Amino acid sequence: MLRADVCTRALGARDARFDGLFYVGIITTRVYCRPMCPARVSYPDHRRFFDSPAAAECAGFRPCLRCRPELAPGRAPLNAVPRLA
């Protein structure tokens, strides 16, 4: 996991180089986003950083409908529905 200060700077700049490296969860809305999400940036004390979409969803966050973090490059799409063999 990247340091919080690095994640905060990347989030503020909406730096596409960090896409898929970390995800930010907004505690007040329970939504998690990619660092380059066009949605308004939240207050620093309302953020929580995650390594993966799975970690964010396990913590009770749902994916952002604007940036679709569960489909970020370099990650396999999440499939919340278990498959029967």
Protein backbone atom coordinates (compact mmCIF):
# COMPACT_ATOMS: atom_id res chain seq x y z
CA MET A 1 0.00 0.00 0.00
CA LEU A 2 1.20 3.48 -0.84
CA ARG A 3 1.68 6.02 1.95
CA ALA A 4 -1.36 8.17 2.77
CA ASP A 5 0.40 11.43 1.81
CA VAL A 6 1.26 10.05 -1.65
CA CYS A 7 -2.33 8.89 -2.12
CA THR A 8 -3.66 12.28 -1.00
CA ARG A 9 -1.48 14.16 -3.50
CA ALA A 10 -2.41 11.77 -6.33
CA LEU A 11 -6.09 12.14 -5.46
CA GLY A 12 -5.91 15.94 -5.42
CA ALA A 13 -4.19 15.98 -8.82
CA ARG A 14 -6.43 13.21 -10.24
CA ASP A 15 -3.21 11.59 -11.43
CA ALA A 16 -3.99 8.81 -13.93
CA ARG A 17 -0.62 7.12 -13.22
CA PHE A 18 -2.06 5.88 -9.91
CA ASP A 19 -5.15 4.34 -11.50
CA GLY A 20 -5.48 0.78 -10.24
CA LEU A 21 -2.76 1.21 -7.59
CA PHE A 22 -5.08 2.41 -4.83
CA TYR A 23 -8.72 3.27 -4.22
CA VAL A 24 -10.28 5.85 -1.95
CA GLY A 25 -13.37 5.21 0.13
CA ILE A 26 -15.54 8.11 1.26
CA ILE A 27 -16.70 7.29 4.76
CA THR A 28 -19.79 9.54 4.73
CA THR A 29 -21.29 8.04 1.55
CA ARG A 30 -19.76 4.53 1.78
CA VAL A 31 -18.64 4.83 -1.88
CA TYR A 32 -15.14 4.01 -3.15
CA CYS A 33 -13.50 5.61 -6.21
CA ARG A 34 -10.44 5.54 -8.42
CA PRO A 35 -7.86 8.30 -7.86
CA MET A 36 -8.80 9.93 -11.18
CA CYS A 37 -12.56 10.03 -10.49
CA PRO A 38 -14.26 13.22 -11.79
CA ALA A 39 -16.46 13.38 -8.67
CA ARG A 40 -15.81 16.11 -6.14
CA VAL A 41 -12.92 15.36 -3.76
CA SER A 42 -14.00 14.80 -0.15
CA TYR A 43 -12.57 16.20 3.04
CA PRO A 44 -9.36 14.45 4.14
CA ASP A 45 -10.87 13.19 7.38
CA HIS A 46 -13.67 11.46 5.42
CA ARG A 47 -11.28 9.31 3.33
CA ARG A 48 -9.98 5.79 3.69
CA PHE A 49 -7.48 4.24 1.26
CA PHE A 50 -7.61 0.66 -0.04
CA ASP A 51 -5.29 -1.58 -2.07
CA SER A 52 -8.06 -3.20 -4.09
CA PRO A 53 -11.76 -2.99 -4.92
CA ALA A 54 -12.27 -6.24 -3.01
CA ALA A 55 -10.82 -4.71 0.17
CA ALA A 56 -13.13 -1.69 -0.17
CA GLU A 57 -16.18 -3.88 -0.71
CA CYS A 58 -15.27 -6.10 2.24
CA ALA A 59 -15.17 -2.93 4.37
CA GLY A 60 -18.75 -2.12 3.32
CA PHE A 61 -18.15 0.37 0.50
CA ARG A 62 -19.90 0.24 -2.88
CA PRO A 63 -18.31 1.19 -6.24
CA CYS A 64 -18.70 4.71 -7.62
CA LEU A 65 -21.10 4.89 -10.55
CA ARG A 66 -19.01 7.56 -12.32
CA CYS A 67 -15.51 6.07 -12.35
CA ARG A 68 -16.41 2.34 -12.03
CA PRO A 69 -13.44 1.34 -9.82
CA GLU A 70 -14.31 -2.35 -9.98
CA LEU A 71 -13.32 -2.21 -13.67
CA ALA A 72 -9.98 -0.42 -13.15
CA PRO A 73 -7.09 -1.47 -15.41
CA GLY A 74 -4.92 -4.28 -14.17
CA ARG A 75 -7.65 -5.76 -12.03
CA ALA A 76 -9.97 -8.65 -12.78
CA PRO A 77 -13.61 -7.56 -12.60
CA LEU A 78 -15.24 -8.40 -9.30
CA ASN A 79 -17.99 -10.93 -9.41
CA ALA A 80 -19.99 -10.80 -6.21
CA VAL A 81 -22.25 -13.67 -7.30
CA PRO A 82 -20.72 -17.06 -6.52
CA ARG A 83 -20.65 -19.48 -9.44
CA LEU A 84 -21.99 -23.00 -9.13
CA ALA A 85 -19.78 -25.73 -10.52
